[in-house]
Amino acid sequence: MANPEHSALAFVGGRIREARKTSGLNLHELARLSGISAPALSRIETGKRDLRITSLFRIAAALRIKARDLLDEPTVGGSVHKDQGGQGYDLTDYI
């Protein structure tokens, strides 16, 4: 079973890499613009390093995009796919 934390880090890292390449920047250029070292950015992009929220905003600013664009999940049919089951949360194990 895949580790959900690693999957989330890999997803966000992939979004950062995609945005960087779309912007026409290499890793060292993004490092200079964001103030985050190239080795650290490489580890973030590969999902091997957890990034702080401040780092996320610095990267987004350097890429001239909104931080949420790096976090948004892919959309299905133009809108974010959400489970509409109406089940709510089961917190009985925490009471």
PDB file of N, CA and C in Angstrom:
ATOM      1  N   MET A   1       0.841  -1.178   0.000  1.00  0.00           N
ATOM      2  CA  MET A   1       0.000   0.000   0.000  1.00  0.00           C
ATOM      3  C   MET A   1       0.886   1.241   0.000  1.00  0.00           C
ATOM      4  N   ALA A   2       0.552   2.212  -0.832  1.00  0.00           N
ATOM      5  CA  ALA A   2       1.349   3.428  -0.939  1.00  0.00           C
ATOM      6  C   ALA A   2       1.173   4.300   0.297  1.00  0.00           C
ATOM      7  N   ASN A   3       2.250   4.940   0.701  1.00  0.00           N
ATOM      8  CA  ASN A   3       2.222   5.857   1.827  1.00  0.00           C
ATOM      9  C   ASN A   3       1.521   7.140   1.382  1.00  0.00           C
ATOM     10  N   PRO A   4       0.390   7.514   2.028  1.00  0.00           N
ATOM     11  CA  PRO A   4      -0.353   8.706   1.600  1.00  0.00           C
ATOM     12  C   PRO A   4       0.466   9.986   1.712  1.00  0.00           C
ATOM     13  N   GLU A   5       1.335  10.085   2.719  1.00  0.00           N
ATOM     14  CA  GLU A   5       2.167  11.284   2.850  1.00  0.00           C
ATOM     15  C   GLU A   5       3.139  11.390   1.686  1.00  0.00           C
ATOM     16  N   HIS A   6       3.771  10.264   1.331  1.00  0.00           N
ATOM     17  CA  HIS A   6       4.702  10.295   0.203  1.00  0.00           C
ATOM     18  C   HIS A   6       3.955  10.612  -1.086  1.00  0.00           C
ATOM     19  N   SER A   7       2.770  10.061  -1.257  1.00  0.00           N
ATOM     20  CA  SER A   7       1.980  10.339  -2.459  1.00  0.00           C
ATOM     21  C   SER A   7       1.652  11.815  -2.569  1.00  0.00           C
ATOM     22  N   ALA A   8       1.310  12.447  -1.451  1.00  0.00           N
ATOM     23  CA  ALA A   8       0.991  13.876  -1.447  1.00  0.00           C
ATOM     24  C   ALA A   8       2.232  14.696  -1.777  1.00  0.00           C
ATOM     25  N   LEU A   9       3.374  14.326  -1.181  1.00  0.00           N
ATOM     26  CA  LEU A   9       4.616  15.049  -1.461  1.00  0.00           C
ATOM     27  C   LEU A   9       5.019  14.899  -2.927  1.00  0.00           C
ATOM     28  N   ALA A  10       4.885  13.704  -3.456  1.00  0.00           N
ATOM     29  CA  ALA A  10       5.229  13.462  -4.853  1.00  0.00           C
ATOM     30  C   ALA A  10       4.288  14.229  -5.785  1.00  0.00           C
ATOM     31  N   PHE A  11       3.011  14.309  -5.419  1.00  0.00           N
ATOM     32  CA  PHE A  11       2.043  15.041  -6.232  1.00  0.00           C
ATOM     33  C   PHE A  11       2.408  16.520  -6.294  1.00  0.00           C
ATOM     34  N   VAL A  12       2.634  17.143  -5.123  1.00  0.00           N
ATOM     35  CA  VAL A  12       2.962  18.569  -5.075  1.00  0.00           C
ATOM     36  C   VAL A  12       4.313  18.815  -5.746  1.00  0.00           C
ATOM     37  N   GLY A  13       5.277  17.948  -5.484  1.00  0.00           N
ATOM     38  CA  GLY A  13       6.582  18.092  -6.123  1.00  0.00           C
ATOM     39  C   GLY A  13       6.490  18.025  -7.641  1.00  0.00           C
ATOM     40  N   GLY A  14       5.659  17.124  -8.122  1.00  0.00           N
ATOM     41  CA  GLY A  14       5.449  17.015  -9.568  1.00  0.00           C
ATOM     42  C   GLY A  14       4.802  18.264 -10.141  1.00  0.00           C
ATOM     43  N   ARG A  15       3.869  18.841  -9.384  1.00  0.00           N
ATOM     44  CA  ARG A  15       3.226  20.082  -9.829  1.00  0.00           C
ATOM     45  C   ARG A  15       4.243  21.221  -9.885  1.00  0.00           C
ATOM     46  N   ILE A  16       5.144  21.269  -8.913  1.00  0.00           N
ATOM     47  CA  ILE A  16       6.183  22.300  -8.907  1.00  0.00           C
ATOM     48  C   ILE A  16       7.097  22.125 -10.117  1.00  0.00           C
ATOM     49  N   ARG A  17       7.533  20.896 -10.367  1.00  0.00           N
ATOM     50  CA  ARG A  17       8.408  20.634 -11.516  1.00  0.00           C
ATOM     51  C   ARG A  17       7.708  21.013 -12.822  1.00  0.00           C
ATOM     52  N   GLU A  18       6.449  20.633 -12.951  1.00  0.00           N
ATOM     53  CA  GLU A  18       5.681  20.949 -14.156  1.00  0.00           C
ATOM     54  C   GLU A  18       5.589  22.468 -14.355  1.00  0.00           C
ATOM     55  N   ALA A  19       5.283  23.197 -13.285  1.00  0.00           N
ATOM     56  CA  ALA A  19       5.168  24.657 -13.368  1.00  0.00           C
ATOM     57  C   ALA A  19       6.520  25.291 -13.691  1.00  0.00           C
ATOM     58  N   ARG A  20       7.586  24.753 -13.122  1.00  0.00           N
ATOM     59  CA  ARG A  20       8.925  25.275 -13.395  1.00  0.00           C
ATOM     60  C   ARG A  20       9.279  25.104 -14.861  1.00  0.00           C
ATOM     61  N   LYS A  21       9.027  23.925 -15.392  1.00  0.00           N
ATOM     62  CA  LYS A  21       9.339  23.668 -16.797  1.00  0.00           C
ATOM     63  C   LYS A  21       8.471  24.503 -17.728  1.00  0.00           C
ATOM     64  N   THR A  22       7.191  24.654 -17.375  1.00  0.00           N
ATOM     65  CA  THR A  22       6.291  25.480 -18.171  1.00  0.00           C
ATOM     66  C   THR A  22       6.765  26.928 -18.192  1.00  0.00           C
ATOM     67  N   SER A  23       7.348  27.362 -17.078  1.00  0.00           N
ATOM     68  CA  SER A  23       7.875  28.727 -16.985  1.00  0.00           C
ATOM     69  C   SER A  23       9.210  28.888 -17.701  1.00  0.00           C
ATOM     70  N   GLY A  24       9.778  27.784 -18.163  1.00  0.00           N
ATOM     71  CA  GLY A  24      11.041  27.834 -18.876  1.00  0.00           C
ATOM     72  C   GLY A  24      12.245  28.020 -17.965  1.00  0.00           C
ATOM     73  N   LEU A  25      12.092  27.636 -16.705  1.00  0.00           N
ATOM     74  CA  LEU A  25      13.174  27.789 -15.735  1.00  0.00           C
ATOM     75  C   LEU A  25      13.850  26.452 -15.471  1.00  0.00           C
ATOM     76  N   ASN A  26      15.162  26.500 -15.257  1.00  0.00           N
ATOM     77  CA  ASN A  26      15.823  25.295 -14.792  1.00  0.00           C
ATOM     78  C   ASN A  26      15.865  25.343 -13.271  1.00  0.00           C
ATOM     79  N   LEU A  27      16.347  24.284 -12.671  1.00  0.00           N
ATOM     80  CA  LEU A  27      16.342  24.163 -11.215  1.00  0.00           C
ATOM     81  C   LEU A  27      17.149  25.279 -10.544  1.00  0.00           C
ATOM     82  N   HIS A  28      18.289  25.616 -11.128  1.00  0.00           N
ATOM     83  CA  HIS A  28      19.149  26.641 -10.526  1.00  0.00           C
ATOM     84  C   HIS A  28      18.521  28.030 -10.638  1.00  0.00           C
ATOM     85  N   GLU A  29      17.810  28.291 -11.715  1.00  0.00           N
ATOM     86  CA  GLU A  29      17.130  29.588 -11.856  1.00  0.00           C
ATOM     87  C   GLU A  29      16.015  29.722 -10.823  1.00  0.00           C
ATOM     88  N   LEU A  30      15.231  28.663 -10.646  1.00  0.00           N
ATOM     89  CA  LEU A  30      14.171  28.704  -9.631  1.00  0.00           C
ATOM     90  C   LEU A  30      14.776  28.844  -8.238  1.00  0.00           C
ATOM     91  N   ALA A  31      15.907  28.213  -8.017  1.00  0.00           N
ATOM     92  CA  ALA A  31      16.582  28.330  -6.724  1.00  0.00           C
ATOM     93  C   ALA A  31      16.953  29.784  -6.445  1.00  0.00           C
ATOM     94  N   ARG A  32      17.506  30.452  -7.425  1.00  0.00           N
ATOM     95  CA  ARG A  32      17.876  31.869  -7.242  1.00  0.00           C
ATOM     96  C   ARG A  32      16.651  32.733  -7.002  1.00  0.00           C
ATOM     97  N   LEU A  33      15.588  32.488  -7.746  1.00  0.00           N
ATOM     98  CA  LEU A  33      14.379  33.305  -7.621  1.00  0.00           C
ATOM     99  C   LEU A  33      13.644  33.073  -6.301  1.00  0.00           C
ATOM    100  N   SER A  34      13.669  31.842  -5.806  1.00  0.00           N
ATOM    101  CA  SER A  34      12.914  31.498  -4.603  1.00  0.00           C
ATOM    102  C   SER A  34      13.735  31.606  -3.320  1.00  0.00           C
ATOM    103  N   GLY A  35      15.049  31.593  -3.445  1.00  0.00           N
ATOM    104  CA  GLY A  35      15.896  31.603  -2.264  1.00  0.00           C
ATOM    105  C   GLY A  35      16.009  30.240  -1.600  1.00  0.00           C
ATOM    106  N   ILE A  36      15.622  29.200  -2.303  1.00  0.00           N
ATOM    107  CA  ILE A  36      15.706  27.825  -1.807  1.00  0.00           C
ATOM    108  C   ILE A  36      16.780  27.130  -2.633  1.00  0.00           C
ATOM    109  N   SER A  37      17.679  26.414  -2.002  1.00  0.00           N
ATOM    110  CA  SER A  37      18.799  25.808  -2.721  1.00  0.00           C
ATOM    111  C   SER A  37      18.316  24.806  -3.782  1.00  0.00           C
ATOM    112  N   ALA A  38      19.122  24.670  -4.824  1.00  0.00           N
ATOM    113  CA  ALA A  38      18.787  23.726  -5.897  1.00  0.00           C
ATOM    114  C   ALA A  38      18.671  22.295  -5.381  1.00  0.00           C
ATOM    115  N   PRO A  39      19.591  21.824  -4.509  1.00  0.00           N
ATOM    116  CA  PRO A  39      19.423  20.467  -3.987  1.00  0.00           C
ATOM    117  C   PRO A  39      18.112  20.295  -3.203  1.00  0.00           C
ATOM    118  N   ALA A  40      17.736  21.307  -2.429  1.00  0.00           N
ATOM    119  CA  ALA A  40      16.476  21.224  -1.677  1.00  0.00           C
ATOM    120  C   ALA A  40      15.294  21.197  -2.637  1.00  0.00           C
ATOM    121  N   LEU A  41      15.322  22.034  -3.661  1.00  0.00           N
ATOM    122  CA  LEU A  41      14.237  22.032  -4.657  1.00  0.00           C
ATOM    123  C   LEU A  41      14.143  20.682  -5.363  1.00  0.00           C
ATOM    124  N   SER A  42      15.279  20.096  -5.679  1.00  0.00           N
ATOM    125  CA  SER A  42      15.283  18.790  -6.338  1.00  0.00           C
ATOM    126  C   SER A  42      14.599  17.743  -5.461  1.00  0.00           C
ATOM    127  N   ARG A  43      14.912  17.756  -4.179  1.00  0.00           N
ATOM    128  CA  ARG A  43      14.288  16.799  -3.252  1.00  0.00           C
ATOM    129  C   ARG A  43      12.792  17.081  -3.099  1.00  0.00           C
ATOM    130  N   ILE A  44      12.404  18.337  -3.128  1.00  0.00           N
ATOM    131  CA  ILE A  44      10.974  18.693  -3.060  1.00  0.00           C
ATOM    132  C   ILE A  44      10.268  18.186  -4.303  1.00  0.00           C
ATOM    133  N   GLU A  45      10.853  18.427  -5.471  1.00  0.00           N
ATOM    134  CA  GLU A  45      10.231  18.010  -6.735  1.00  0.00           C
ATOM    135  C   GLU A  45      10.088  16.501  -6.847  1.00  0.00           C
ATOM    136  N   THR A  46      10.974  15.759  -6.234  1.00  0.00           N
ATOM    137  CA  THR A  46      10.899  14.297  -6.308  1.00  0.00           C
ATOM    138  C   THR A  46      10.105  13.689  -5.157  1.00  0.00           C
ATOM    139  N   GLY A  47       9.561  14.550  -4.286  1.00  0.00           N
ATOM    140  CA  GLY A  47       8.743  14.055  -3.178  1.00  0.00           C
ATOM    141  C   GLY A  47       9.544  13.468  -2.040  1.00  0.00           C
ATOM    142  N   LYS A  48      10.830  13.754  -2.001  1.00  0.00           N
ATOM    143  CA  LYS A  48      11.686  13.208  -0.948  1.00  0.00           C
ATOM    144  C   LYS A  48      11.870  14.176   0.211  1.00  0.00           C
ATOM    145  N   ARG A  49      11.355  15.378   0.075  1.00  0.00           N
ATOM    146  CA  ARG A  49      11.474  16.369   1.142  1.00  0.00           C
ATOM    147  C   ARG A  49      10.133  17.054   1.338  1.00  0.00           C
ATOM    148  N   ASP A  50       9.722  17.122   2.569  1.00  0.00           N
ATOM    149  CA  ASP A  50       8.497  17.827   2.935  1.00  0.00           C
ATOM    150  C   ASP A  50       8.794  19.318   2.940  1.00  0.00           C
ATOM    151  N   LEU A  51       7.973  20.099   2.267  1.00  0.00           N
ATOM    152  CA  LEU A  51       8.249  21.521   2.243  1.00  0.00           C
ATOM    153  C   LEU A  51       7.347  22.267   3.213  1.00  0.00           C
ATOM    154  N   ARG A  52       7.880  23.334   3.772  1.00  0.00           N
ATOM    155  CA  ARG A  52       7.101  24.183   4.668  1.00  0.00           C
ATOM    156  C   ARG A  52       6.168  25.050   3.837  1.00  0.00           C
ATOM    157  N   ILE A  53       5.134  25.534   4.471  1.00  0.00           N
ATOM    158  CA  ILE A  53       4.174  26.390   3.775  1.00  0.00           C
ATOM    159  C   ILE A  53       4.854  27.663   3.273  1.00  0.00           C
ATOM    160  N   THR A  54       5.816  28.184   4.043  1.00  0.00           N
ATOM    161  CA  THR A  54       6.529  29.379   3.590  1.00  0.00           C
ATOM    162  C   THR A  54       7.328  29.089   2.326  1.00  0.00           C
ATOM    163  N   SER A  55       7.903  27.906   2.233  1.00  0.00           N
ATOM    164  CA  SER A  55       8.637  27.517   1.026  1.00  0.00           C
ATOM    165  C   SER A  55       7.694  27.392  -0.159  1.00  0.00           C
ATOM    166  N   LEU A  56       6.516  26.840   0.074  1.00  0.00           N
ATOM    167  CA  LEU A  56       5.525  26.714  -0.989  1.00  0.00           C
ATOM    168  C   LEU A  56       5.178  28.083  -1.556  1.00  0.00           C
ATOM    169  N   PHE A  57       4.972  29.066  -0.685  1.00  0.00           N
ATOM    170  CA  PHE A  57       4.633  30.409  -1.141  1.00  0.00           C
ATOM    171  C   PHE A  57       5.812  31.079  -1.848  1.00  0.00           C
ATOM    172  N   ARG A  58       7.029  30.819  -1.393  1.00  0.00           N
ATOM    173  CA  ARG A  58       8.207  31.381  -2.057  1.00  0.00           C
ATOM    174  C   ARG A  58       8.373  30.797  -3.462  1.00  0.00           C
ATOM    175  N   ILE A  59       8.143  29.501  -3.578  1.00  0.00           N
ATOM    176  CA  ILE A  59       8.241  28.849  -4.890  1.00  0.00           C
ATOM    177  C   ILE A  59       7.157  29.385  -5.818  1.00  0.00           C
ATOM    178  N   ALA A  60       5.932  29.469  -5.316  1.00  0.00           N
ATOM    179  CA  ALA A  60       4.822  29.971  -6.133  1.00  0.00           C
ATOM    180  C   ALA A  60       5.093  31.400  -6.596  1.00  0.00           C
ATOM    181  N   ALA A  61       5.583  32.256  -5.707  1.00  0.00           N
ATOM    182  CA  ALA A  61       5.884  33.639  -6.071  1.00  0.00           C
ATOM    183  C   ALA A  61       6.958  33.682  -7.154  1.00  0.00           C
ATOM    184  N   ALA A  62       7.977  32.841  -7.022  1.00  0.00           N
ATOM    185  CA  ALA A  62       9.047  32.799  -8.020  1.00  0.00           C
ATOM    186  C   ALA A  62       8.518  32.339  -9.375  1.00  0.00           C
ATOM    187  N   LEU A  63       7.520  31.454  -9.350  1.00  0.00           N
ATOM    188  CA  LEU A  63       6.922  30.947 -10.588  1.00  0.00           C
ATOM    189  C   LEU A  63       5.815  31.856 -11.116  1.00  0.00           C
ATOM    190  N   ARG A  64       5.468  32.888 -10.314  1.00  0.00           N
ATOM    191  CA  ARG A  64       4.401  33.844 -10.663  1.00  0.00           C
ATOM    192  C   ARG A  64       3.048  33.155 -10.822  1.00  0.00           C
ATOM    193  N   ILE A  65       2.782  32.251  -9.880  1.00  0.00           N
ATOM    194  CA  ILE A  65       1.484  31.587  -9.834  1.00  0.00           C
ATOM    195  C   ILE A  65       0.991  31.607  -8.393  1.00  0.00           C
ATOM    196  N   LYS A  66      -0.247  31.226  -8.189  1.00  0.00           N
ATOM    197  CA  LYS A  66      -0.803  31.144  -6.841  1.00  0.00           C
ATOM    198  C   LYS A  66      -0.395  29.808  -6.219  1.00  0.00           C
ATOM    199  N   ALA A  67      -0.135  29.833  -4.923  1.00  0.00           N
ATOM    200  CA  ALA A  67       0.266  28.613  -4.219  1.00  0.00           C
ATOM    201  C   ALA A  67      -0.786  27.525  -4.378  1.00  0.00           C
ATOM    202  N   ARG A  68      -2.049  27.908  -4.391  1.00  0.00           N
ATOM    203  CA  ARG A  68      -3.103  26.893  -4.519  1.00  0.00           C
ATOM    204  C   ARG A  68      -3.019  26.130  -5.837  1.00  0.00           C
ATOM    205  N   ASP A  69      -2.432  26.758  -6.873  1.00  0.00           N
ATOM    206  CA  ASP A  69      -2.287  26.068  -8.151  1.00  0.00           C
ATOM    207  C   ASP A  69      -1.336  24.879  -8.039  1.00  0.00           C
ATOM    208  N   LEU A  70      -0.473  24.902  -7.047  1.00  0.00           N
ATOM    209  CA  LEU A  70       0.442  23.786  -6.834  1.00  0.00           C
ATOM    210  C   LEU A  70      -0.180  22.685  -5.986  1.00  0.00           C
ATOM    211  N   LEU A  71      -1.308  23.000  -5.364  1.00  0.00           N
ATOM    212  CA  LEU A  71      -1.969  22.042  -4.483  1.00  0.00           C
ATOM    213  C   LEU A  71      -3.232  21.441  -5.075  1.00  0.00           C
ATOM    214  N   ASP A  72      -3.855  22.138  -6.022  1.00  0.00           N
ATOM    215  CA  ASP A  72      -5.123  21.680  -6.583  1.00  0.00           C
ATOM    216  C   ASP A  72      -4.978  20.321  -7.236  1.00  0.00           C
ATOM    217  N   GLU A  73      -5.936  19.469  -6.952  1.00  0.00           N
ATOM    218  CA  GLU A  73      -5.971  18.161  -7.596  1.00  0.00           C
ATOM    219  C   GLU A  73      -6.503  18.325  -9.008  1.00  0.00           C
ATOM    220  N   PRO A  74      -6.161  17.391  -9.890  1.00  0.00           N
ATOM    221  CA  PRO A  74      -6.690  17.460 -11.254  1.00  0.00           C
ATOM    222  C   PRO A  74      -8.212  17.453 -11.235  1.00  0.00           C
ATOM    223  N   THR A  75      -8.790  18.137 -12.181  1.00  0.00           N
ATOM    224  CA  THR A  75     -10.244  18.212 -12.234  1.00  0.00           C
ATOM    225  C   THR A  75     -10.803  17.150 -13.170  1.00  0.00           C
ATOM    226  N   VAL A  76     -12.045  16.774 -12.919  1.00  0.00           N
ATOM    227  CA  VAL A  76     -12.755  15.815 -13.757  1.00  0.00           C
ATOM    228  C   VAL A  76     -13.947  16.553 -14.346  1.00  0.00           C
ATOM    229  N   GLY A  77     -13.970  16.701 -15.661  1.00  0.00           N
ATOM    230  CA  GLY A  77     -15.081  17.387 -16.303  1.00  0.00           C
ATOM    231  C   GLY A  77     -15.185  18.856 -15.920  1.00  0.00           C
ATOM    232  N   GLY A  78     -14.042  19.486 -15.598  1.00  0.00           N
ATOM    233  CA  GLY A  78     -14.046  20.908 -15.318  1.00  0.00           C
ATOM    234  C   GLY A  78     -14.280  21.269 -13.863  1.00  0.00           C
ATOM    235  N   SER A  79     -14.601  20.305 -13.021  1.00  0.00           N
ATOM    236  CA  SER A  79     -14.786  20.610 -11.607  1.00  0.00           C
ATOM    237  C   SER A  79     -14.071  19.551 -10.779  1.00  0.00           C
ATOM    238  N   VAL A  80     -13.648  19.935  -9.608  1.00  0.00           N
ATOM    239  CA  VAL A  80     -12.945  18.989  -8.752  1.00  0.00           C
ATOM    240  C   VAL A  80     -13.899  17.877  -8.364  1.00  0.00           C
ATOM    241  N   HIS A  81     -13.456  16.639  -8.553  1.00  0.00           N
ATOM    242  CA  HIS A  81     -14.278  15.481  -8.221  1.00  0.00           C
ATOM    243  C   HIS A  81     -14.271  15.263  -6.720  1.00  0.00           C
ATOM    244  N   LYS A  82     -15.441  15.261  -6.132  1.00  0.00           N
ATOM    245  CA  LYS A  82     -15.559  15.013  -4.700  1.00  0.00           C
ATOM    246  C   LYS A  82     -16.597  13.932  -4.470  1.00  0.00           C
ATOM    247  N   ASP A  83     -16.393  13.163  -3.422  1.00  0.00           N
ATOM    248  CA  ASP A  83     -17.365  12.148  -3.049  1.00  0.00           C
ATOM    249  C   ASP A  83     -18.605  12.842  -2.507  1.00  0.00           C
ATOM    250  N   GLN A  84     -19.712  12.598  -3.117  1.00  0.00           N
ATOM    251  CA  GLN A  84     -20.961  13.237  -2.711  1.00  0.00           C
ATOM    252  C   GLN A  84     -21.827  12.291  -1.892  1.00  0.00           C
ATOM    253  N   GLY A  85     -21.200  11.307  -1.239  1.00  0.00           N
ATOM    254  CA  GLY A  85     -21.949  10.298  -0.504  1.00  0.00           C
ATOM    255  C   GLY A  85     -22.704  10.820   0.703  1.00  0.00           C
ATOM    256  N   GLY A  86     -22.306  11.946   1.253  1.00  0.00           N
ATOM    257  CA  GLY A  86     -23.005  12.504   2.405  1.00  0.00           C
ATOM    258  C   GLY A  86     -22.827  11.687   3.668  1.00  0.00           C
ATOM    259  N   GLN A  87     -21.796  10.891   3.733  1.00  0.00           N
ATOM    260  CA  GLN A  87     -21.581  10.018   4.875  1.00  0.00           C
ATOM    261  C   GLN A  87     -21.114  10.766   6.114  1.00  0.00           C
ATOM    262  N   GLY A  88     -20.419  11.880   5.941  1.00  0.00           N
ATOM    263  CA  GLY A  88     -19.893  12.593   7.092  1.00  0.00           C
ATOM    264  C   GLY A  88     -18.653  11.896   7.623  1.00  0.00           C
ATOM    265  N   TYR A  89     -18.294  12.203   8.858  1.00  0.00           N
ATOM    266  CA  TYR A  89     -17.097  11.637   9.469  1.00  0.00           C
ATOM    267  C   TYR A  89     -17.489  10.727  10.613  1.00  0.00           C
ATOM    268  N   ASP A  90     -16.756   9.632  10.744  1.00  0.00           N
ATOM    269  CA  ASP A  90     -16.959   8.723  11.862  1.00  0.00           C
ATOM    270  C   ASP A  90     -15.841   8.972  12.860  1.00  0.00           C
ATOM    271  N   LEU A  91     -16.132   9.680  13.931  1.00  0.00           N
ATOM    272  CA  LEU A  91     -15.140  10.012  14.943  1.00  0.00           C
ATOM    273  C   LEU A  91     -15.270   9.178  16.203  1.00  0.00           C
ATOM    274  N   THR A  92     -16.032   8.095  16.145  1.00  0.00           N
ATOM    275  CA  THR A  92     -16.258   7.291  17.335  1.00  0.00           C
ATOM    276  C   THR A  92     -14.979   6.707  17.922  1.00  0.00           C
ATOM    277  N   ASP A  93     -13.984   6.455  17.081  1.00  0.00           N
ATOM    278  CA  ASP A  93     -12.711   5.917  17.580  1.00  0.00           C
ATOM    279  C   ASP A  93     -11.917   6.968  18.355  1.00  0.00           C
ATOM    280  N   TYR A  94     -12.295   8.218  18.251  1.00  0.00           N
ATOM    281  CA  TYR A  94     -11.554   9.310  18.894  1.00  0.00           C
ATOM    282  C   TYR A  94     -12.250   9.899  20.093  1.00  0.00           C
ATOM    283  N   ILE A  95     -13.411   9.368  20.442  1.00  0.00           N
ATOM    284  CA  ILE A  95     -14.172   9.900  21.565  1.00  0.00           C
ATOM    285  C   ILE A  95     -13.825   9.153  22.835  1.00  0.00           C
TER     286      ILE A  95
END
